[in-house]
Amino acid sequence: MECNYGTTDLNKKTIYIREDVYYRACDGNARDLFTIAHELGHLFLHSNQNVELARAEMNIKAYENPEWQANTFAAELLMPVKLISKSDIPDSLVKRFGVSYESAKIRLKNLGIIN
């Protein structure tokens, strides 16, 4: 089985989603919905740029990292900041937005709501 859940071909402005990921996303699977939102982030944010796949061992600032940018786009798409309050906890975001616990926790950390 192919290990990539999804990829974006910026030259063709096309997103490729693995078939099982697509069907699970259609069923509301949080991880797979995030994958699709992440790939949409690449498409919308990087289509007019020469972007290479960023790896953890690359020494670049987070905000310059296309993977960080796509993750941030996906988080905002799935969990809009205007719908999050200082009283939220990961479980409340999971219930409200249908995201994974880990995504909710990272979102709240990045917004400075939890440590």
PDB file of N, CA and C in Angstrom:
ATOM      1  N   MET A   1       0.840  -1.177   0.000  1.00  0.00           N
ATOM      2  CA  MET A   1       0.000   0.000   0.000  1.00  0.00           C
ATOM      3  C   MET A   1       0.883   1.238   0.000  1.00  0.00           C
ATOM      4  N   GLU A   2       0.520   2.200  -0.784  1.00  0.00           N
ATOM      5  CA  GLU A   2       1.252   3.447  -0.886  1.00  0.00           C
ATOM      6  C   GLU A   2       1.229   4.186   0.450  1.00  0.00           C
ATOM      7  N   CYS A   3       2.366   4.773   0.831  1.00  0.00           N
ATOM      8  CA  CYS A   3       2.435   5.427   2.141  1.00  0.00           C
ATOM      9  C   CYS A   3       1.910   6.856   2.118  1.00  0.00           C
ATOM     10  N   ASN A   4       1.923   7.535   0.972  1.00  0.00           N
ATOM     11  CA  ASN A   4       1.393   8.893   0.903  1.00  0.00           C
ATOM     12  C   ASN A   4      -0.120   8.887   1.000  1.00  0.00           C
ATOM     13  N   TYR A   5      -0.637   9.643   1.949  1.00  0.00           N
ATOM     14  CA  TYR A   5      -2.086   9.780   2.065  1.00  0.00           C
ATOM     15  C   TYR A   5      -2.607  10.670   0.954  1.00  0.00           C
ATOM     16  N   GLY A   6      -1.841  11.688   0.621  1.00  0.00           N
ATOM     17  CA  GLY A   6      -2.219  12.598  -0.440  1.00  0.00           C
ATOM     18  C   GLY A   6      -1.017  13.400  -0.883  1.00  0.00           C
ATOM     19  N   THR A   7      -1.053  13.884  -2.093  1.00  0.00           N
ATOM     20  CA  THR A   7      -0.003  14.743  -2.617  1.00  0.00           C
ATOM     21  C   THR A   7      -0.648  15.809  -3.500  1.00  0.00           C
ATOM     22  N   THR A   8       0.083  16.868  -3.697  1.00  0.00           N
ATOM     23  CA  THR A   8      -0.388  17.938  -4.566  1.00  0.00           C
ATOM     24  C   THR A   8       0.650  18.176  -5.644  1.00  0.00           C
ATOM     25  N   ASP A   9       0.206  18.144  -6.897  1.00  0.00           N
ATOM     26  CA  ASP A   9       1.061  18.473  -8.029  1.00  0.00           C
ATOM     27  C   ASP A   9       0.802  19.939  -8.351  1.00  0.00           C
ATOM     28  N   LEU A  10       1.711  20.802  -7.913  1.00  0.00           N
ATOM     29  CA  LEU A  10       1.512  22.233  -8.093  1.00  0.00           C
ATOM     30  C   LEU A  10       1.552  22.641  -9.552  1.00  0.00           C
ATOM     31  N   ASN A  11       2.333  21.933 -10.366  1.00  0.00           N
ATOM     32  CA  ASN A  11       2.408  22.259 -11.787  1.00  0.00           C
ATOM     33  C   ASN A  11       1.083  21.996 -12.496  1.00  0.00           C
ATOM     34  N   LYS A  12       0.420  20.918 -12.109  1.00  0.00           N
ATOM     35  CA  LYS A  12      -0.869  20.565 -12.721  1.00  0.00           C
ATOM     36  C   LYS A  12      -2.046  21.121 -11.936  1.00  0.00           C
ATOM     37  N   LYS A  13      -1.744  21.750 -10.778  1.00  0.00           N
ATOM     38  CA  LYS A  13      -2.791  22.259  -9.881  1.00  0.00           C
ATOM     39  C   LYS A  13      -3.821  21.169  -9.594  1.00  0.00           C
ATOM     40  N   THR A  14      -3.268  20.018  -9.174  1.00  0.00           N
ATOM     41  CA  THR A  14      -4.085  18.827  -8.942  1.00  0.00           C
ATOM     42  C   THR A  14      -3.711  18.197  -7.615  1.00  0.00           C
ATOM     43  N   ILE A  15      -4.733  17.752  -6.884  1.00  0.00           N
ATOM     44  CA  ILE A  15      -4.539  17.026  -5.635  1.00  0.00           C
ATOM     45  C   ILE A  15      -4.805  15.554  -5.902  1.00  0.00           C
ATOM     46  N   TYR A  16      -3.930  14.697  -5.389  1.00  0.00           N
ATOM     47  CA  TYR A  16      -4.114  13.258  -5.475  1.00  0.00           C
ATOM     48  C   TYR A  16      -4.314  12.727  -4.060  1.00  0.00           C
ATOM     49  N   ILE A  17      -5.430  12.081  -3.839  1.00  0.00           N
ATOM     50  CA  ILE A  17      -5.756  11.510  -2.537  1.00  0.00           C
ATOM     51  C   ILE A  17      -5.864   9.999  -2.713  1.00  0.00           C
ATOM     52  N   ARG A  18      -5.195   9.275  -1.837  1.00  0.00           N
ATOM     53  CA  ARG A  18      -5.288   7.819  -1.886  1.00  0.00           C
ATOM     54  C   ARG A  18      -6.754   7.414  -1.732  1.00  0.00           C
ATOM     55  N   GLU A  19      -7.178   6.395  -2.457  1.00  0.00           N
ATOM     56  CA  GLU A  19      -8.594   6.020  -2.508  1.00  0.00           C
ATOM     57  C   GLU A  19      -9.182   5.717  -1.135  1.00  0.00           C
ATOM     58  N   ASP A  20      -8.451   4.967  -0.298  1.00  0.00           N
ATOM     59  CA  ASP A  20      -8.990   4.651   1.023  1.00  0.00           C
ATOM     60  C   ASP A  20      -9.113   5.905   1.889  1.00  0.00           C
ATOM     61  N   VAL A  21      -8.211   6.854   1.714  1.00  0.00           N
ATOM     62  CA  VAL A  21      -8.273   8.122   2.446  1.00  0.00           C
ATOM     63  C   VAL A  21      -9.511   8.901   2.000  1.00  0.00           C
ATOM     64  N   TYR A  22      -9.738   8.931   0.700  1.00  0.00           N
ATOM     65  CA  TYR A  22     -10.908   9.623   0.159  1.00  0.00           C
ATOM     66  C   TYR A  22     -12.205   9.066   0.740  1.00  0.00           C
ATOM     67  N   TYR A  23     -12.337   7.754   0.718  1.00  0.00           N
ATOM     68  CA  TYR A  23     -13.581   7.152   1.215  1.00  0.00           C
ATOM     69  C   TYR A  23     -13.760   7.344   2.721  1.00  0.00           C
ATOM     70  N   ARG A  24     -12.680   7.270   3.460  1.00  0.00           N
ATOM     71  CA  ARG A  24     -12.791   7.519   4.907  1.00  0.00           C
ATOM     72  C   ARG A  24     -13.142   8.976   5.182  1.00  0.00           C
ATOM     73  N   ALA A  25     -12.592   9.891   4.390  1.00  0.00           N
ATOM     74  CA  ALA A  25     -12.943  11.314   4.540  1.00  0.00           C
ATOM     75  C   ALA A  25     -14.425  11.522   4.245  1.00  0.00           C
ATOM     76  N   CYS A  26     -14.928  10.847   3.232  1.00  0.00           N
ATOM     77  CA  CYS A  26     -16.365  10.932   2.911  1.00  0.00           C
ATOM     78  C   CYS A  26     -17.219  10.438   4.069  1.00  0.00           C
ATOM     79  N   ASP A  27     -16.674   9.502   4.842  1.00  0.00           N
ATOM     80  CA  ASP A  27     -17.383   8.973   6.017  1.00  0.00           C
ATOM     81  C   ASP A  27     -17.145   9.824   7.270  1.00  0.00           C
ATOM     82  N   GLY A  28     -16.350  10.897   7.138  1.00  0.00           N
ATOM     83  CA  GLY A  28     -16.123  11.803   8.253  1.00  0.00           C
ATOM     84  C   GLY A  28     -14.911  11.504   9.109  1.00  0.00           C
ATOM     85  N   ASN A  29     -14.010  10.637   8.647  1.00  0.00           N
ATOM     86  CA  ASN A  29     -12.810  10.327   9.420  1.00  0.00           C
ATOM     87  C   ASN A  29     -11.955  11.584   9.579  1.00  0.00           C
ATOM     88  N   ALA A  30     -11.704  11.966  10.817  1.00  0.00           N
ATOM     89  CA  ALA A  30     -11.023  13.221  11.122  1.00  0.00           C
ATOM     90  C   ALA A  30      -9.623  13.304  10.520  1.00  0.00           C
ATOM     91  N   ARG A  31      -8.851  12.251  10.647  1.00  0.00           N
ATOM     92  CA  ARG A  31      -7.478  12.261  10.119  1.00  0.00           C
ATOM     93  C   ARG A  31      -7.468  12.455   8.615  1.00  0.00           C
ATOM     94  N   ASP A  32      -8.377  11.795   7.938  1.00  0.00           N
ATOM     95  CA  ASP A  32      -8.418  11.869   6.481  1.00  0.00           C
ATOM     96  C   ASP A  32      -8.973  13.204   5.991  1.00  0.00           C
ATOM     97  N   LEU A  33      -9.903  13.788   6.742  1.00  0.00           N
ATOM     98  CA  LEU A  33     -10.381  15.136   6.412  1.00  0.00           C
ATOM     99  C   LEU A  33      -9.249  16.144   6.538  1.00  0.00           C
ATOM    100  N   PHE A  34      -8.416  15.975   7.568  1.00  0.00           N
ATOM    101  CA  PHE A  34      -7.272  16.868   7.736  1.00  0.00           C
ATOM    102  C   PHE A  34      -6.305  16.717   6.566  1.00  0.00           C
ATOM    103  N   THR A  35      -6.094  15.486   6.104  1.00  0.00           N
ATOM    104  CA  THR A  35      -5.210  15.259   4.957  1.00  0.00           C
ATOM    105  C   THR A  35      -5.692  16.040   3.744  1.00  0.00           C
ATOM    106  N   ILE A  36      -6.980  15.972   3.467  1.00  0.00           N
ATOM    107  CA  ILE A  36      -7.520  16.679   2.306  1.00  0.00           C
ATOM    108  C   ILE A  36      -7.393  18.189   2.495  1.00  0.00           C
ATOM    109  N   ALA A  37      -7.698  18.686   3.690  1.00  0.00           N
ATOM    110  CA  ALA A  37      -7.557  20.119   3.969  1.00  0.00           C
ATOM    111  C   ALA A  37      -6.096  20.553   3.828  1.00  0.00           C
ATOM    112  N   HIS A  38      -5.174  19.707   4.270  1.00  0.00           N
ATOM    113  CA  HIS A  38      -3.741  19.984   4.156  1.00  0.00           C
ATOM    114  C   HIS A  38      -3.334  20.119   2.683  1.00  0.00           C
ATOM    115  N   GLU A  39      -3.779  19.185   1.865  1.00  0.00           N
ATOM    116  CA  GLU A  39      -3.439  19.236   0.438  1.00  0.00           C
ATOM    117  C   GLU A  39      -4.080  20.447  -0.240  1.00  0.00           C
ATOM    118  N   LEU A  40      -5.288  20.819   0.173  1.00  0.00           N
ATOM    119  CA  LEU A  40      -5.907  22.051  -0.329  1.00  0.00           C
ATOM    120  C   LEU A  40      -5.043  23.257   0.034  1.00  0.00           C
ATOM    121  N   GLY A  41      -4.459  23.210   1.229  1.00  0.00           N
ATOM    122  CA  GLY A  41      -3.553  24.278   1.642  1.00  0.00           C
ATOM    123  C   GLY A  41      -2.389  24.432   0.684  1.00  0.00           C
ATOM    124  N   HIS A  42      -1.781  23.308   0.309  1.00  0.00           N
ATOM    125  CA  HIS A  42      -0.690  23.380  -0.676  1.00  0.00           C
ATOM    126  C   HIS A  42      -1.193  23.988  -1.975  1.00  0.00           C
ATOM    127  N   LEU A  43      -2.341  23.551  -2.432  1.00  0.00           N
ATOM    128  CA  LEU A  43      -2.880  24.026  -3.702  1.00  0.00           C
ATOM    129  C   LEU A  43      -3.136  25.531  -3.668  1.00  0.00           C
ATOM    130  N   PHE A  44      -3.794  26.008  -2.626  1.00  0.00           N
ATOM    131  CA  PHE A  44      -4.136  27.430  -2.547  1.00  0.00           C
ATOM    132  C   PHE A  44      -2.945  28.315  -2.199  1.00  0.00           C
ATOM    133  N   LEU A  45      -2.057  27.834  -1.345  1.00  0.00           N
ATOM    134  CA  LEU A  45      -0.959  28.672  -0.873  1.00  0.00           C
ATOM    135  C   LEU A  45       0.281  28.639  -1.757  1.00  0.00           C
ATOM    136  N   HIS A  46       0.487  27.538  -2.464  1.00  0.00           N
ATOM    137  CA  HIS A  46       1.777  27.343  -3.123  1.00  0.00           C
ATOM    138  C   HIS A  46       1.716  27.184  -4.639  1.00  0.00           C
ATOM    139  N   SER A  47       0.566  27.316  -5.240  1.00  0.00           N
ATOM    140  CA  SER A  47       0.445  27.080  -6.682  1.00  0.00           C
ATOM    141  C   SER A  47       1.298  28.008  -7.529  1.00  0.00           C
ATOM    142  N   ASN A  48       1.542  29.208  -7.062  1.00  0.00           N
ATOM    143  CA  ASN A  48       2.337  30.159  -7.856  1.00  0.00           C
ATOM    144  C   ASN A  48       3.768  30.276  -7.341  1.00  0.00           C
ATOM    145  N   GLN A  49       4.225  29.252  -6.625  1.00  0.00           N
ATOM    146  CA  GLN A  49       5.563  29.281  -6.056  1.00  0.00           C
ATOM    147  C   GLN A  49       6.316  28.018  -6.457  1.00  0.00           C
ATOM    148  N   ASN A  50       7.623  28.097  -6.365  1.00  0.00           N
ATOM    149  CA  ASN A  50       8.463  26.928  -6.577  1.00  0.00           C
ATOM    150  C   ASN A  50       8.738  26.329  -5.200  1.00  0.00           C
ATOM    151  N   VAL A  51       7.919  25.355  -4.799  1.00  0.00           N
ATOM    152  CA  VAL A  51       8.002  24.786  -3.460  1.00  0.00           C
ATOM    153  C   VAL A  51       8.480  23.345  -3.551  1.00  0.00           C
ATOM    154  N   GLU A  52       9.437  23.007  -2.713  1.00  0.00           N
ATOM    155  CA  GLU A  52       9.885  21.626  -2.601  1.00  0.00           C
ATOM    156  C   GLU A  52       9.337  21.049  -1.315  1.00  0.00           C
ATOM    157  N   LEU A  53       9.171  19.738  -1.286  1.00  0.00           N
ATOM    158  CA  LEU A  53       8.687  19.064  -0.084  1.00  0.00           C
ATOM    159  C   LEU A  53       9.664  19.323   1.052  1.00  0.00           C
ATOM    160  N   ALA A  54       9.153  19.826   2.146  1.00  0.00           N
ATOM    161  CA  ALA A  54       9.996  20.124   3.308  1.00  0.00           C
ATOM    162  C   ALA A  54      10.091  18.891   4.199  1.00  0.00           C
ATOM    163  N   ARG A  55      11.248  18.634   4.689  1.00  0.00           N
ATOM    164  CA  ARG A  55      11.489  17.518   5.603  1.00  0.00           C
ATOM    165  C   ARG A  55      11.962  18.067   6.941  1.00  0.00           C
ATOM    166  N   ALA A  56      11.780  17.306   7.978  1.00  0.00           N
ATOM    167  CA  ALA A  56      12.122  17.751   9.332  1.00  0.00           C
ATOM    168  C   ALA A  56      13.601  18.113   9.454  1.00  0.00           C
ATOM    169  N   GLU A  57      14.474  17.453   8.708  1.00  0.00           N
ATOM    170  CA  GLU A  57      15.899  17.724   8.853  1.00  0.00           C
ATOM    171  C   GLU A  57      16.326  19.021   8.156  1.00  0.00           C
ATOM    172  N   MET A  58      15.427  19.626   7.388  1.00  0.00           N
ATOM    173  CA  MET A  58      15.748  20.896   6.749  1.00  0.00           C
ATOM    174  C   MET A  58      15.719  21.995   7.800  1.00  0.00           C
ATOM    175  N   ASN A  59      16.664  22.916   7.724  1.00  0.00           N
ATOM    176  CA  ASN A  59      16.777  23.978   8.716  1.00  0.00           C
ATOM    177  C   ASN A  59      16.144  25.257   8.172  1.00  0.00           C
ATOM    178  N   ILE A  60      14.811  25.350   8.278  1.00  0.00           N
ATOM    179  CA  ILE A  60      14.097  26.543   7.842  1.00  0.00           C
ATOM    180  C   ILE A  60      13.142  26.981   8.948  1.00  0.00           C
ATOM    181  N   LYS A  61      12.789  28.239   8.940  1.00  0.00           N
ATOM    182  CA  LYS A  61      11.849  28.764   9.928  1.00  0.00           C
ATOM    183  C   LYS A  61      10.480  28.137   9.686  1.00  0.00           C
ATOM    184  N   ALA A  62       9.731  27.932  10.762  1.00  0.00           N
ATOM    185  CA  ALA A  62       8.420  27.273  10.660  1.00  0.00           C
ATOM    186  C   ALA A  62       7.523  27.967   9.648  1.00  0.00           C
ATOM    187  N   TYR A  63       7.437  29.285   9.704  1.00  0.00           N
ATOM    188  CA  TYR A  63       6.531  29.999   8.813  1.00  0.00           C
ATOM    189  C   TYR A  63       6.970  29.956   7.344  1.00  0.00           C
ATOM    190  N   GLU A  64       8.214  29.559   7.085  1.00  0.00           N
ATOM    191  CA  GLU A  64       8.701  29.397   5.718  1.00  0.00           C
ATOM    192  C   GLU A  64       8.500  27.967   5.208  1.00  0.00           C
ATOM    193  N   ASN A  65       8.148  27.068   6.105  1.00  0.00           N
ATOM    194  CA  ASN A  65       8.003  25.655   5.781  1.00  0.00           C
ATOM    195  C   ASN A  65       6.645  25.408   5.129  1.00  0.00           C
ATOM    196  N   PRO A  66       6.624  24.920   3.887  1.00  0.00           N
ATOM    197  CA  PRO A  66       5.339  24.696   3.217  1.00  0.00           C
ATOM    198  C   PRO A  66       4.465  23.652   3.921  1.00  0.00           C
ATOM    199  N   GLU A  67       5.072  22.718   4.640  1.00  0.00           N
ATOM    200  CA  GLU A  67       4.274  21.730   5.376  1.00  0.00           C
ATOM    201  C   GLU A  67       3.593  22.388   6.579  1.00  0.00           C
ATOM    202  N   TRP A  68       4.317  23.251   7.290  1.00  0.00           N
ATOM    203  CA  TRP A  68       3.730  24.004   8.394  1.00  0.00           C
ATOM    204  C   TRP A  68       2.604  24.888   7.869  1.00  0.00           C
ATOM    205  N   GLN A  69       2.848  25.539   6.739  1.00  0.00           N
ATOM    206  CA  GLN A  69       1.831  26.410   6.149  1.00  0.00           C
ATOM    207  C   GLN A  69       0.579  25.625   5.784  1.00  0.00           C
ATOM    208  N   ALA A  70       0.740  24.461   5.177  1.00  0.00           N
ATOM    209  CA  ALA A  70      -0.415  23.642   4.794  1.00  0.00           C
ATOM    210  C   ALA A  70      -1.156  23.128   6.030  1.00  0.00           C
ATOM    211  N   ASN A  71      -0.424  22.765   7.072  1.00  0.00           N
ATOM    212  CA  ASN A  71      -1.065  22.328   8.321  1.00  0.00           C
ATOM    213  C   ASN A  71      -1.843  23.472   8.966  1.00  0.00           C
ATOM    214  N   THR A  72      -1.272  24.663   8.946  1.00  0.00           N
ATOM    215  CA  THR A  72      -1.941  25.829   9.523  1.00  0.00           C
ATOM    216  C   THR A  72      -3.191  26.167   8.723  1.00  0.00           C
ATOM    217  N   PHE A  73      -3.113  26.092   7.410  1.00  0.00           N
ATOM    218  CA  PHE A  73      -4.279  26.305   6.552  1.00  0.00           C
ATOM    219  C   PHE A  73      -5.371  25.295   6.891  1.00  0.00           C
ATOM    220  N   ALA A  74      -4.994  24.021   6.987  1.00  0.00           N
ATOM    221  CA  ALA A  74      -5.966  22.965   7.292  1.00  0.00           C
ATOM    222  C   ALA A  74      -6.615  23.193   8.653  1.00  0.00           C
ATOM    223  N   ALA A  75      -5.829  23.585   9.636  1.00  0.00           N
ATOM    224  CA  ALA A  75      -6.373  23.837  10.970  1.00  0.00           C
ATOM    225  C   ALA A  75      -7.385  24.976  10.944  1.00  0.00           C
ATOM    226  N   GLU A  76      -7.069  26.037  10.224  1.00  0.00           N
ATOM    227  CA  GLU A  76      -7.996  27.179  10.144  1.00  0.00           C
ATOM    228  C   GLU A  76      -9.248  26.815   9.355  1.00  0.00           C
ATOM    229  N   LEU A  77      -9.086  26.031   8.301  1.00  0.00           N
ATOM    230  CA  LEU A  77     -10.238  25.606   7.504  1.00  0.00           C
ATOM    231  C   LEU A  77     -11.187  24.744   8.332  1.00  0.00           C
ATOM    232  N   LEU A  78     -10.616  23.813   9.091  1.00  0.00           N
ATOM    233  CA  LEU A  78     -11.436  22.868   9.855  1.00  0.00           C
ATOM    234  C   LEU A  78     -11.874  23.406  11.218  1.00  0.00           C
ATOM    235  N   MET A  79     -11.072  24.315  11.800  1.00  0.00           N
ATOM    236  CA  MET A  79     -11.359  24.855  13.138  1.00  0.00           C
ATOM    237  C   MET A  79     -11.135  26.364  13.122  1.00  0.00           C
ATOM    238  N   PRO A  80     -12.049  27.121  12.517  1.00  0.00           N
ATOM    239  CA  PRO A  80     -11.838  28.573  12.388  1.00  0.00           C
ATOM    240  C   PRO A  80     -11.638  29.251  13.741  1.00  0.00           C
ATOM    241  N   VAL A  81     -10.622  30.092  13.812  1.00  0.00           N
ATOM    242  CA  VAL A  81     -10.277  30.751  15.065  1.00  0.00           C
ATOM    243  C   VAL A  81     -11.453  31.548  15.623  1.00  0.00           C
ATOM    244  N   LYS A  82     -12.282  32.111  14.759  1.00  0.00           N
ATOM    245  CA  LYS A  82     -13.405  32.915  15.257  1.00  0.00           C
ATOM    246  C   LYS A  82     -14.465  32.072  15.959  1.00  0.00           C
ATOM    247  N   LEU A  83     -14.379  30.748  15.811  1.00  0.00           N
ATOM    248  CA  LEU A  83     -15.326  29.844  16.471  1.00  0.00           C
ATOM    249  C   LEU A  83     -14.711  29.134  17.674  1.00  0.00           C
ATOM    250  N   ILE A  84     -13.526  29.575  18.082  1.00  0.00           N
ATOM    251  CA  ILE A  84     -12.828  28.973  19.220  1.00  0.00           C
ATOM    252  C   ILE A  84     -12.742  30.014  20.328  1.00  0.00           C
ATOM    253  N   SER A  85     -13.001  29.573  21.562  1.00  0.00           N
ATOM    254  CA  SER A  85     -12.934  30.497  22.700  1.00  0.00           C
ATOM    255  C   SER A  85     -11.843  30.064  23.667  1.00  0.00           C
ATOM    256  N   LYS A  86     -11.515  30.953  24.578  1.00  0.00           N
ATOM    257  CA  LYS A  86     -10.479  30.663  25.581  1.00  0.00           C
ATOM    258  C   LYS A  86     -10.894  29.557  26.541  1.00  0.00           C
ATOM    259  N   SER A  87     -12.178  29.233  26.580  1.00  0.00           N
ATOM    260  CA  SER A  87     -12.651  28.159  27.465  1.00  0.00           C
ATOM    261  C   SER A  87     -12.650  26.790  26.783  1.00  0.00           C
ATOM    262  N   ASP A  88     -12.281  26.747  25.503  1.00  0.00           N
ATOM    263  CA  ASP A  88     -12.271  25.464  24.788  1.00  0.00           C
ATOM    264  C   ASP A  88     -11.162  24.553  25.287  1.00  0.00           C
ATOM    265  N   ILE A  89     -11.426  23.268  25.189  1.00  0.00           N
ATOM    266  CA  ILE A  89     -10.465  22.207  25.457  1.00  0.00           C
ATOM    267  C   ILE A  89     -10.469  21.306  24.229  1.00  0.00           C
ATOM    268  N   PRO A  90      -9.474  20.421  24.068  1.00  0.00           N
ATOM    269  CA  PRO A  90      -9.456  19.567  22.893  1.00  0.00           C
ATOM    270  C   PRO A  90     -10.767  18.819  22.652  1.00  0.00           C
ATOM    271  N   ASP A  91     -11.366  18.296  23.708  1.00  0.00           N
ATOM    272  CA  ASP A  91     -12.610  17.543  23.534  1.00  0.00           C
ATOM    273  C   ASP A  91     -13.731  18.389  22.947  1.00  0.00           C
ATOM    274  N   SER A  92     -13.778  19.659  23.303  1.00  0.00           N
ATOM    275  CA  SER A  92     -14.843  20.507  22.759  1.00  0.00           C
ATOM    276  C   SER A  92     -14.644  20.753  21.263  1.00  0.00           C
ATOM    277  N   LEU A  93     -13.384  20.881  20.821  1.00  0.00           N
ATOM    278  CA  LEU A  93     -13.130  21.049  19.388  1.00  0.00           C
ATOM    279  C   LEU A  93     -13.413  19.765  18.624  1.00  0.00           C
ATOM    280  N   VAL A  94     -13.075  18.631  19.222  1.00  0.00           N
ATOM    281  CA  VAL A  94     -13.369  17.335  18.595  1.00  0.00           C
ATOM    282  C   VAL A  94     -14.863  17.221  18.336  1.00  0.00           C
ATOM    283  N   LYS A  95     -15.644  17.555  19.335  1.00  0.00           N
ATOM    284  CA  LYS A  95     -17.104  17.443  19.217  1.00  0.00           C
ATOM    285  C   LYS A  95     -17.669  18.474  18.231  1.00  0.00           C
ATOM    286  N   ARG A  96     -17.211  19.715  18.324  1.00  0.00           N
ATOM    287  CA  ARG A  96     -17.750  20.793  17.500  1.00  0.00           C
ATOM    288  C   ARG A  96     -17.362  20.681  16.032  1.00  0.00           C
ATOM    289  N   PHE A  97     -16.105  20.308  15.759  1.00  0.00           N
ATOM    290  CA  PHE A  97     -15.606  20.350  14.391  1.00  0.00           C
ATOM    291  C   PHE A  97     -15.357  18.983  13.762  1.00  0.00           C
ATOM    292  N   GLY A  98     -15.455  17.912  14.536  1.00  0.00           N
ATOM    293  CA  GLY A  98     -15.220  16.582  13.987  1.00  0.00           C
ATOM    294  C   GLY A  98     -13.772  16.323  13.621  1.00  0.00           C
ATOM    295  N   VAL A  99     -12.855  16.950  14.357  1.00  0.00           N
ATOM    296  CA  VAL A  99     -11.424  16.767  14.112  1.00  0.00           C
ATOM    297  C   VAL A  99     -10.868  15.747  15.093  1.00  0.00           C
ATOM    298  N   SER A 100      -9.632  15.349  14.891  1.00  0.00           N
ATOM    299  CA  SER A 100      -9.003  14.416  15.820  1.00  0.00           C
ATOM    300  C   SER A 100      -8.607  15.146  17.100  1.00  0.00           C
ATOM    301  N   TYR A 101      -8.452  14.393  18.165  1.00  0.00           N
ATOM    302  CA  TYR A 101      -8.030  14.958  19.445  1.00  0.00           C
ATOM    303  C   TYR A 101      -6.672  15.634  19.291  1.00  0.00           C
ATOM    304  N   GLU A 102      -5.756  14.983  18.591  1.00  0.00           N
ATOM    305  CA  GLU A 102      -4.411  15.529  18.415  1.00  0.00           C
ATOM    306  C   GLU A 102      -4.446  16.847  17.648  1.00  0.00           C
ATOM    307  N   SER A 103      -5.245  16.928  16.590  1.00  0.00           N
ATOM    308  CA  SER A 103      -5.374  18.181  15.832  1.00  0.00           C
ATOM    309  C   SER A 103      -5.947  19.286  16.706  1.00  0.00           C
ATOM    310  N   ALA A 104      -6.948  18.954  17.498  1.00  0.00           N
ATOM    311  CA  ALA A 104      -7.571  19.930  18.390  1.00  0.00           C
ATOM    312  C   ALA A 104      -6.569  20.427  19.421  1.00  0.00           C
ATOM    313  N   LYS A 105      -5.799  19.521  19.980  1.00  0.00           N
ATOM    314  CA  LYS A 105      -4.802  19.875  20.991  1.00  0.00           C
ATOM    315  C   LYS A 105      -3.733  20.798  20.395  1.00  0.00           C
ATOM    316  N   ILE A 106      -3.244  20.471  19.218  1.00  0.00           N
ATOM    317  CA  ILE A 106      -2.232  21.296  18.544  1.00  0.00           C
ATOM    318  C   ILE A 106      -2.810  22.671  18.226  1.00  0.00           C
ATOM    319  N   ARG A 107      -4.052  22.705  17.751  1.00  0.00           N
ATOM    320  CA  ARG A 107      -4.686  23.982  17.414  1.00  0.00           C
ATOM    321  C   ARG A 107      -4.769  24.880  18.647  1.00  0.00           C
ATOM    322  N   LEU A 108      -5.215  24.332  19.756  1.00  0.00           N
ATOM    323  CA  LEU A 108      -5.336  25.117  20.981  1.00  0.00           C
ATOM    324  C   LEU A 108      -3.978  25.557  21.509  1.00  0.00           C
ATOM    325  N   LYS A 109      -2.964  24.712  21.384  1.00  0.00           N
ATOM    326  CA  LYS A 109      -1.602  25.099  21.773  1.00  0.00           C
ATOM    327  C   LYS A 109      -1.104  26.241  20.905  1.00  0.00           C
ATOM    328  N   ASN A 110      -1.304  26.118  19.607  1.00  0.00           N
ATOM    329  CA  ASN A 110      -0.828  27.148  18.673  1.00  0.00           C
ATOM    330  C   ASN A 110      -1.535  28.480  18.886  1.00  0.00           C
ATOM    331  N   LEU A 111      -2.770  28.430  19.371  1.00  0.00           N
ATOM    332  CA  LEU A 111      -3.515  29.656  19.662  1.00  0.00           C
ATOM    333  C   LEU A 111      -3.227  30.192  21.062  1.00  0.00           C
ATOM    334  N   GLY A 112      -2.419  29.457  21.841  1.00  0.00           N
ATOM    335  CA  GLY A 112      -2.052  29.884  23.178  1.00  0.00           C
ATOM    336  C   GLY A 112      -3.152  29.700  24.211  1.00  0.00           C
ATOM    337  N   ILE A 113      -4.113  28.829  23.915  1.00  0.00           N
ATOM    338  CA  ILE A 113      -5.231  28.594  24.829  1.00  0.00           C
ATOM    339  C   ILE A 113      -4.868  27.541  25.862  1.00  0.00           C
ATOM    340  N   ILE A 114      -4.070  26.560  25.464  1.00  0.00           N
ATOM    341  CA  ILE A 114      -3.569  25.542  26.396  1.00  0.00           C
ATOM    342  C   ILE A 114      -2.054  25.466  26.249  1.00  0.00           C
ATOM    343  N   ASN A 115      -1.418  24.835  27.242  1.00  0.00           N
ATOM    344  CA  ASN A 115       0.047  24.654  27.191  1.00  0.00           C
ATOM    345  C   ASN A 115       0.414  23.369  26.507  1.00  0.00           C
TER     346      ASN A 115
END
